[in-house]
Amino acid sequence: MNEDRTNYIPALRYQWLTGFYDTVMEGMMRETEFKQALVRQARVAKDYQVLDLGCGTATLTLMIKQAHPEAKVTGLDGDPKALEIARDKIAKSGLAITLDEGMAFNLPYPDNSFDRVFSGLLFHHLTREDKERTLKEVYRVLRPGGELHVADWGKAGNALMRSAFFLVQLLDGFKTTTDNVNGLLPEFFSKAGLQQVHEAARYATMFGTMALYQARKPAR
């Protein structure tokens, strides 16, 4: 697979910080709260095919499988170090989850493969071009009537949340994060052909406003 990693940004930006990712997320980001809410809003049914896009260390991937053990859950990420942590966590859980290495904008799956695609804190790592490329791929691999469910940084709820988000921008870069804080993700979802796009919830965190989104691929 010919992958362009020129703009790739790992979790917490630097590889040497990857080992601290789970600690930071759980301690500072209300991670369990907003990711469990994301799983609930997706209404995963028995035998659904589910993709966790940019799965990182597989925290969300595991939540999906634990909540819906009869679904077939796959996680994909471009960071080998994060996937090592993910594989260890999954092995300890004893759950049957598939992990693949790959880039979000070049998915190694056939058309119409998944009933649900999840994404937790992936899009703010992507340039605008790669956001658009990734959403085209999401549209392609979703089955007709399938849904995308995203947790990521959203439009700042107030001046305090906007100020807090500067810390994220300093770490992850203004080029990739500005579209998020300007509230443009729903526009990108619609541009990719997804419908019924809306913000389902938002959370105030110490680093800014976390938003939950959902969108649907038109049924045939």
C-alpha atoms as a PDB file:
ATOM      1  CA  MET A   1       0.000   0.000   0.000  1.00  0.00           C
ATOM      2  CA  ASN A   2       1.468   3.369  -1.081  1.00  0.00           C
ATOM      3  CA  GLU A   3       1.025   5.588   1.946  1.00  0.00           C
ATOM      4  CA  ASP A   4       1.944   9.262   2.283  1.00  0.00           C
ATOM      5  CA  ARG A   5       3.084   9.827   5.862  1.00  0.00           C
ATOM      6  CA  THR A   6       4.479  13.317   5.253  1.00  0.00           C
ATOM      7  CA  ASN A   7       1.923  14.976   7.539  1.00  0.00           C
ATOM      8  CA  TYR A   8       1.544  12.115  10.008  1.00  0.00           C
ATOM      9  CA  ILE A   9       1.218  13.229  13.649  1.00  0.00           C
ATOM     10  CA  PRO A  10       1.266  10.496  16.327  1.00  0.00           C
ATOM     11  CA  ALA A  11      -0.690  10.669  19.569  1.00  0.00           C
ATOM     12  CA  LEU A  12       0.597  13.568  21.713  1.00  0.00           C
ATOM     13  CA  ARG A  13       2.677  14.505  18.639  1.00  0.00           C
ATOM     14  CA  TYR A  14       5.944  12.880  19.760  1.00  0.00           C
ATOM     15  CA  GLN A  15       6.619   9.130  19.686  1.00  0.00           C
ATOM     16  CA  TRP A  16       8.357   9.226  23.066  1.00  0.00           C
ATOM     17  CA  LEU A  17       5.084  10.447  24.636  1.00  0.00           C
ATOM     18  CA  THR A  18       2.940   7.605  23.252  1.00  0.00           C
ATOM     19  CA  GLY A  19       3.473   5.471  26.352  1.00  0.00           C
ATOM     20  CA  PHE A  20       1.860   8.204  28.474  1.00  0.00           C
ATOM     21  CA  TYR A  21      -1.194   8.622  26.232  1.00  0.00           C
ATOM     22  CA  ASP A  22      -3.639   6.480  28.205  1.00  0.00           C
ATOM     23  CA  THR A  23      -2.665   8.144  31.496  1.00  0.00           C
ATOM     24  CA  VAL A  24      -3.124  11.637  30.070  1.00  0.00           C
ATOM     25  CA  MET A  25      -6.448  10.792  28.442  1.00  0.00           C
ATOM     26  CA  GLU A  26      -8.000   9.158  31.474  1.00  0.00           C
ATOM     27  CA  GLY A  27      -6.661  11.656  34.000  1.00  0.00           C
ATOM     28  CA  MET A  28      -7.297  14.924  32.179  1.00  0.00           C
ATOM     29  CA  MET A  29      -9.818  14.425  29.388  1.00  0.00           C
ATOM     30  CA  ARG A  30     -13.002  12.767  30.764  1.00  0.00           C
ATOM     31  CA  GLU A  31     -12.148  10.038  28.262  1.00  0.00           C
ATOM     32  CA  THR A  32     -14.315   7.269  29.683  1.00  0.00           C
ATOM     33  CA  GLU A  33     -17.350   9.563  29.849  1.00  0.00           C
ATOM     34  CA  PHE A  34     -17.292  10.859  26.290  1.00  0.00           C
ATOM     35  CA  LYS A  35     -16.181   7.621  24.647  1.00  0.00           C
ATOM     36  CA  GLN A  36     -18.897   5.606  26.379  1.00  0.00           C
ATOM     37  CA  ALA A  37     -21.409   8.198  25.207  1.00  0.00           C
ATOM     38  CA  LEU A  38     -20.067   7.805  21.660  1.00  0.00           C
ATOM     39  CA  VAL A  39     -20.578   4.031  21.845  1.00  0.00           C
ATOM     40  CA  ARG A  40     -24.133   4.466  23.106  1.00  0.00           C
ATOM     41  CA  GLN A  41     -25.128   6.925  20.393  1.00  0.00           C
ATOM     42  CA  ALA A  42     -23.954   4.536  17.636  1.00  0.00           C
ATOM     43  CA  ARG A  43     -26.565   1.878  18.531  1.00  0.00           C
ATOM     44  CA  VAL A  44     -24.409  -1.022  17.371  1.00  0.00           C
ATOM     45  CA  ALA A  45     -26.529  -4.093  16.651  1.00  0.00           C
ATOM     46  CA  LYS A  46     -25.764  -7.791  16.742  1.00  0.00           C
ATOM     47  CA  ASP A  47     -23.320  -8.946  14.045  1.00  0.00           C
ATOM     48  CA  TYR A  48     -22.500  -5.415  12.872  1.00  0.00           C
ATOM     49  CA  GLN A  49     -19.114  -4.879  11.249  1.00  0.00           C
ATOM     50  CA  VAL A  50     -17.447  -1.999  13.106  1.00  0.00           C
ATOM     51  CA  LEU A  51     -14.275  -0.038  12.350  1.00  0.00           C
ATOM     52  CA  ASP A  52     -12.468   2.106  14.921  1.00  0.00           C
ATOM     53  CA  LEU A  53     -10.532   4.497  12.690  1.00  0.00           C
ATOM     54  CA  GLY A  54      -7.320   5.802  14.223  1.00  0.00           C
ATOM     55  CA  CYS A  55      -7.773   3.408  17.122  1.00  0.00           C
ATOM     56  CA  GLY A  56      -4.484   4.330  18.831  1.00  0.00           C
ATOM     57  CA  THR A  57      -4.067   2.289  21.984  1.00  0.00           C
ATOM     58  CA  ALA A  58      -7.523   0.704  21.505  1.00  0.00           C
ATOM     59  CA  THR A  59      -9.347   2.225  24.475  1.00  0.00           C
ATOM     60  CA  LEU A  60     -12.414   2.997  22.358  1.00  0.00           C
ATOM     61  CA  THR A  61     -12.030  -0.241  20.396  1.00  0.00           C
ATOM     62  CA  LEU A  62     -12.253  -2.231  23.616  1.00  0.00           C
ATOM     63  CA  MET A  63     -15.252  -0.235  24.839  1.00  0.00           C
ATOM     64  CA  ILE A  64     -17.116  -1.028  21.625  1.00  0.00           C
ATOM     65  CA  LYS A  65     -16.394  -4.737  21.879  1.00  0.00           C
ATOM     66  CA  GLN A  66     -17.191  -4.904  25.596  1.00  0.00           C
ATOM     67  CA  ALA A  67     -20.543  -3.185  25.016  1.00  0.00           C
ATOM     68  CA  HIS A  68     -21.336  -5.258  21.910  1.00  0.00           C
ATOM     69  CA  PRO A  69     -19.541  -8.626  22.122  1.00  0.00           C
ATOM     70  CA  GLU A  70     -21.429 -10.048  19.117  1.00  0.00           C
ATOM     71  CA  ALA A  71     -20.218  -7.284  16.783  1.00  0.00           C
ATOM     72  CA  LYS A  72     -17.082  -7.816  14.710  1.00  0.00           C
ATOM     73  CA  VAL A  73     -14.731  -5.005  15.706  1.00  0.00           C
ATOM     74  CA  THR A  74     -11.633  -3.885  13.799  1.00  0.00           C
ATOM     75  CA  GLY A  75      -9.198  -1.171  14.814  1.00  0.00           C
ATOM     76  CA  LEU A  76      -6.857   0.607  12.398  1.00  0.00           C
ATOM     77  CA  ASP A  77      -3.998   2.970  13.142  1.00  0.00           C
ATOM     78  CA  GLY A  78      -0.875   4.235  11.431  1.00  0.00           C
ATOM     79  CA  ASP A  79       1.320   4.252  14.541  1.00  0.00           C
ATOM     80  CA  PRO A  80       3.146   0.938  15.165  1.00  0.00           C
ATOM     81  CA  LYS A  81       4.038   1.923  18.734  1.00  0.00           C
ATOM     82  CA  ALA A  82       0.429   2.703  19.637  1.00  0.00           C
ATOM     83  CA  LEU A  83      -0.631  -0.596  18.070  1.00  0.00           C
ATOM     84  CA  GLU A  84       1.872  -2.470  20.247  1.00  0.00           C
ATOM     85  CA  ILE A  85       0.149  -1.038  23.321  1.00  0.00           C
ATOM     86  CA  ALA A  86      -3.240  -1.833  21.800  1.00  0.00           C
ATOM     87  CA  ARG A  87      -2.317  -5.452  21.121  1.00  0.00           C
ATOM     88  CA  ASP A  88      -1.148  -5.896  24.703  1.00  0.00           C
ATOM     89  CA  LYS A  89      -4.387  -4.443  26.098  1.00  0.00           C
ATOM     90  CA  ILE A  90      -6.506  -6.608  23.808  1.00  0.00           C
ATOM     91  CA  ALA A  91      -4.533  -9.750  24.680  1.00  0.00           C
ATOM     92  CA  LYS A  92      -5.126  -9.073  28.374  1.00  0.00           C
ATOM     93  CA  SER A  93      -8.839  -8.513  27.760  1.00  0.00           C
ATOM     94  CA  GLY A  94      -9.275 -11.863  26.006  1.00  0.00           C
ATOM     95  CA  LEU A  95     -11.599 -10.249  23.466  1.00  0.00           C
ATOM     96  CA  ALA A  96     -11.568 -11.049  19.745  1.00  0.00           C
ATOM     97  CA  ILE A  97     -10.595  -7.797  18.027  1.00  0.00           C
ATOM     98  CA  THR A  98      -8.723  -7.366  14.753  1.00  0.00           C
ATOM     99  CA  LEU A  99      -6.004  -4.693  14.572  1.00  0.00           C
ATOM    100  CA  ASP A 100      -4.613  -3.404  11.282  1.00  0.00           C
ATOM    101  CA  GLU A 101      -1.845  -0.934  10.508  1.00  0.00           C
ATOM    102  CA  GLY A 102      -2.704   1.635   7.864  1.00  0.00           C
ATOM    103  CA  MET A 103      -3.566   5.233   7.095  1.00  0.00           C
ATOM    104  CA  ALA A 104      -7.064   6.649   7.431  1.00  0.00           C
ATOM    105  CA  PHE A 105      -6.986   8.166   3.954  1.00  0.00           C
ATOM    106  CA  ASN A 106      -6.039   4.855   2.283  1.00  0.00           C
ATOM    107  CA  LEU A 107      -8.120   2.171   3.951  1.00  0.00           C
ATOM    108  CA  PRO A 108      -7.285  -1.485   3.208  1.00  0.00           C
ATOM    109  CA  TYR A 109     -10.930  -2.577   3.075  1.00  0.00           C
ATOM    110  CA  PRO A 110     -13.415  -3.232   0.250  1.00  0.00           C
ATOM    111  CA  ASP A 111     -16.327  -0.928  -0.516  1.00  0.00           C
ATOM    112  CA  ASN A 112     -19.375  -1.258   1.760  1.00  0.00           C
ATOM    113  CA  SER A 113     -17.513  -3.199   4.478  1.00  0.00           C
ATOM    114  CA  PHE A 114     -18.770  -1.611   7.701  1.00  0.00           C
ATOM    115  CA  ASP A 115     -22.067  -0.798   9.396  1.00  0.00           C
ATOM    116  CA  ARG A 116     -20.407   1.688  11.736  1.00  0.00           C
ATOM    117  CA  VAL A 117     -17.172   3.665  11.616  1.00  0.00           C
ATOM    118  CA  PHE A 118     -15.944   5.275  14.832  1.00  0.00           C
ATOM    119  CA  SER A 119     -13.221   7.873  15.227  1.00  0.00           C
ATOM    120  CA  GLY A 120     -11.872   9.156  18.524  1.00  0.00           C
ATOM    121  CA  LEU A 121      -9.536  12.168  18.330  1.00  0.00           C
ATOM    122  CA  LEU A 122      -8.217  11.431  14.848  1.00  0.00           C
ATOM    123  CA  PHE A 123      -9.405  14.313  12.675  1.00  0.00           C
ATOM    124  CA  HIS A 124      -7.539  17.065  14.520  1.00  0.00           C
ATOM    125  CA  HIS A 125      -4.302  15.282  13.564  1.00  0.00           C
ATOM    126  CA  LEU A 126      -5.103  15.554   9.851  1.00  0.00           C
ATOM    127  CA  THR A 127      -4.538  18.419   7.438  1.00  0.00           C
ATOM    128  CA  ARG A 128      -7.627  19.690   5.664  1.00  0.00           C
ATOM    129  CA  GLU A 129      -6.661  17.714   2.565  1.00  0.00           C
ATOM    130  CA  ASP A 130      -6.244  14.516   4.578  1.00  0.00           C
ATOM    131  CA  LYS A 131      -9.504  15.125   6.445  1.00  0.00           C
ATOM    132  CA  GLU A 132     -11.271  15.253   3.080  1.00  0.00           C
ATOM    133  CA  ARG A 133      -9.405  12.201   1.750  1.00  0.00           C
ATOM    134  CA  THR A 134     -10.214  10.265   4.924  1.00  0.00           C
ATOM    135  CA  LEU A 135     -13.913  11.107   4.731  1.00  0.00           C
ATOM    136  CA  LYS A 136     -14.059   9.922   1.119  1.00  0.00           C
ATOM    137  CA  GLU A 137     -12.617   6.619   2.332  1.00  0.00           C
ATOM    138  CA  VAL A 138     -15.092   6.464   5.214  1.00  0.00           C
ATOM    139  CA  TYR A 139     -17.946   6.996   2.773  1.00  0.00           C
ATOM    140  CA  ARG A 140     -16.552   4.261   0.517  1.00  0.00           C
ATOM    141  CA  VAL A 141     -16.213   1.586   3.218  1.00  0.00           C
ATOM    142  CA  LEU A 142     -19.534   2.326   4.926  1.00  0.00           C
ATOM    143  CA  ARG A 143     -22.458   0.217   3.825  1.00  0.00           C
ATOM    144  CA  PRO A 144     -25.548   2.094   2.571  1.00  0.00           C
ATOM    145  CA  GLY A 145     -27.323   3.328   5.686  1.00  0.00           C
ATOM    146  CA  GLY A 146     -24.147   2.927   7.742  1.00  0.00           C
ATOM    147  CA  GLU A 147     -23.056   5.624  10.162  1.00  0.00           C
ATOM    148  CA  LEU A 148     -19.951   7.577  11.168  1.00  0.00           C
ATOM    149  CA  HIS A 149     -19.548   8.473  14.857  1.00  0.00           C
ATOM    150  CA  VAL A 150     -16.797  10.898  15.835  1.00  0.00           C
ATOM    151  CA  ALA A 151     -15.424  12.297  19.077  1.00  0.00           C
ATOM    152  CA  ASP A 152     -13.021  15.167  18.463  1.00  0.00           C
ATOM    153  CA  TRP A 153     -12.290  18.762  19.300  1.00  0.00           C
ATOM    154  CA  GLY A 154     -15.172  21.015  18.294  1.00  0.00           C
ATOM    155  CA  LYS A 155     -16.000  24.694  18.173  1.00  0.00           C
ATOM    156  CA  ALA A 156     -15.030  26.349  21.431  1.00  0.00           C
ATOM    157  CA  GLY A 157     -18.043  26.747  23.689  1.00  0.00           C
ATOM    158  CA  ASN A 158     -16.751  29.989  25.229  1.00  0.00           C
ATOM    159  CA  ALA A 159     -13.640  32.167  25.587  1.00  0.00           C
ATOM    160  CA  LEU A 160     -12.244  29.938  28.335  1.00  0.00           C
ATOM    161  CA  MET A 161     -12.529  26.813  26.170  1.00  0.00           C
ATOM    162  CA  ARG A 162     -10.934  28.685  23.254  1.00  0.00           C
ATOM    163  CA  SER A 163      -7.998  29.729  25.417  1.00  0.00           C
ATOM    164  CA  ALA A 164      -7.579  26.203  26.769  1.00  0.00           C
ATOM    165  CA  PHE A 165      -7.449  24.805  23.240  1.00  0.00           C
ATOM    166  CA  PHE A 166      -4.311  26.800  22.446  1.00  0.00           C
ATOM    167  CA  LEU A 167      -2.413  24.176  24.440  1.00  0.00           C
ATOM    168  CA  VAL A 168      -3.639  21.471  22.058  1.00  0.00           C
ATOM    169  CA  GLN A 169      -2.774  23.622  19.081  1.00  0.00           C
ATOM    170  CA  LEU A 170       0.736  24.233  20.358  1.00  0.00           C
ATOM    171  CA  LEU A 171       1.233  20.473  20.735  1.00  0.00           C
ATOM    172  CA  ASP A 172      -0.553  19.159  17.633  1.00  0.00           C
ATOM    173  CA  GLY A 173      -0.124  22.145  15.326  1.00  0.00           C
ATOM    174  CA  PHE A 174      -2.355  24.999  14.177  1.00  0.00           C
ATOM    175  CA  LYS A 175      -2.490  23.679  10.612  1.00  0.00           C
ATOM    176  CA  THR A 176      -4.443  20.560  11.572  1.00  0.00           C
ATOM    177  CA  THR A 177      -6.478  21.828  14.533  1.00  0.00           C
ATOM    178  CA  THR A 178      -7.872  25.164  13.317  1.00  0.00           C
ATOM    179  CA  ASP A 179     -10.711  23.589  11.315  1.00  0.00           C
ATOM    180  CA  ASN A 180     -11.809  21.733  14.443  1.00  0.00           C
ATOM    181  CA  VAL A 181     -11.980  24.747  16.732  1.00  0.00           C
ATOM    182  CA  ASN A 182     -13.780  26.706  14.008  1.00  0.00           C
ATOM    183  CA  GLY A 183     -16.494  24.030  13.995  1.00  0.00           C
ATOM    184  CA  LEU A 184     -15.934  22.900  10.400  1.00  0.00           C
ATOM    185  CA  LEU A 185     -16.003  19.102  10.821  1.00  0.00           C
ATOM    186  CA  PRO A 186     -19.762  18.816  10.094  1.00  0.00           C
ATOM    187  CA  GLU A 187     -19.225  20.780   6.871  1.00  0.00           C
ATOM    188  CA  PHE A 188     -16.552  18.298   5.804  1.00  0.00           C
ATOM    189  CA  PHE A 189     -18.836  15.352   6.616  1.00  0.00           C
ATOM    190  CA  SER A 190     -21.570  16.788   4.405  1.00  0.00           C
ATOM    191  CA  LYS A 191     -19.125  17.579   1.610  1.00  0.00           C
ATOM    192  CA  ALA A 192     -18.113  13.891   1.572  1.00  0.00           C
ATOM    193  CA  GLY A 193     -21.733  12.922   0.838  1.00  0.00           C
ATOM    194  CA  LEU A 194     -22.812  11.976   4.358  1.00  0.00           C
ATOM    195  CA  GLN A 195     -26.262  13.016   5.506  1.00  0.00           C
ATOM    196  CA  GLN A 196     -28.129  13.678   8.779  1.00  0.00           C
ATOM    197  CA  VAL A 197     -24.950  15.312  10.073  1.00  0.00           C
ATOM    198  CA  HIS A 198     -25.205  16.801  13.522  1.00  0.00           C
ATOM    199  CA  GLU A 199     -23.397  17.429  16.769  1.00  0.00           C
ATOM    200  CA  ALA A 200     -24.859  15.030  19.328  1.00  0.00           C
ATOM    201  CA  ALA A 201     -23.140  16.257  22.499  1.00  0.00           C
ATOM    202  CA  ARG A 202     -20.294  18.373  23.806  1.00  0.00           C
ATOM    203  CA  TYR A 203     -18.057  18.258  26.877  1.00  0.00           C
ATOM    204  CA  ALA A 204     -15.987  20.953  28.546  1.00  0.00           C
ATOM    205  CA  THR A 205     -12.494  19.629  29.285  1.00  0.00           C
ATOM    206  CA  MET A 206      -9.350  21.233  30.628  1.00  0.00           C
ATOM    207  CA  PHE A 207      -8.024  21.433  27.044  1.00  0.00           C
ATOM    208  CA  GLY A 208     -11.127  22.685  25.248  1.00  0.00           C
ATOM    209  CA  THR A 209     -14.534  21.604  23.937  1.00  0.00           C
ATOM    210  CA  MET A 210     -14.910  17.925  23.026  1.00  0.00           C
ATOM    211  CA  ALA A 211     -17.739  17.313  20.555  1.00  0.00           C
ATOM    212  CA  LEU A 212     -19.548  14.136  19.525  1.00  0.00           C
ATOM    213  CA  TYR A 213     -20.761  14.011  15.927  1.00  0.00           C
ATOM    214  CA  GLN A 214     -22.734  11.551  13.859  1.00  0.00           C
ATOM    215  CA  ALA A 215     -23.510  11.253  10.155  1.00  0.00           C
ATOM    216  CA  ARG A 216     -25.106   8.675   7.879  1.00  0.00           C
ATOM    217  CA  LYS A 217     -24.345   7.309   4.429  1.00  0.00           C
ATOM    218  CA  PRO A 218     -27.515   7.427   2.326  1.00  0.00           C
ATOM    219  CA  ALA A 219     -29.342   4.143   1.970  1.00  0.00           C
ATOM    220  CA  ARG A 220     -29.822   2.831  -1.544  1.00  0.00           C
END
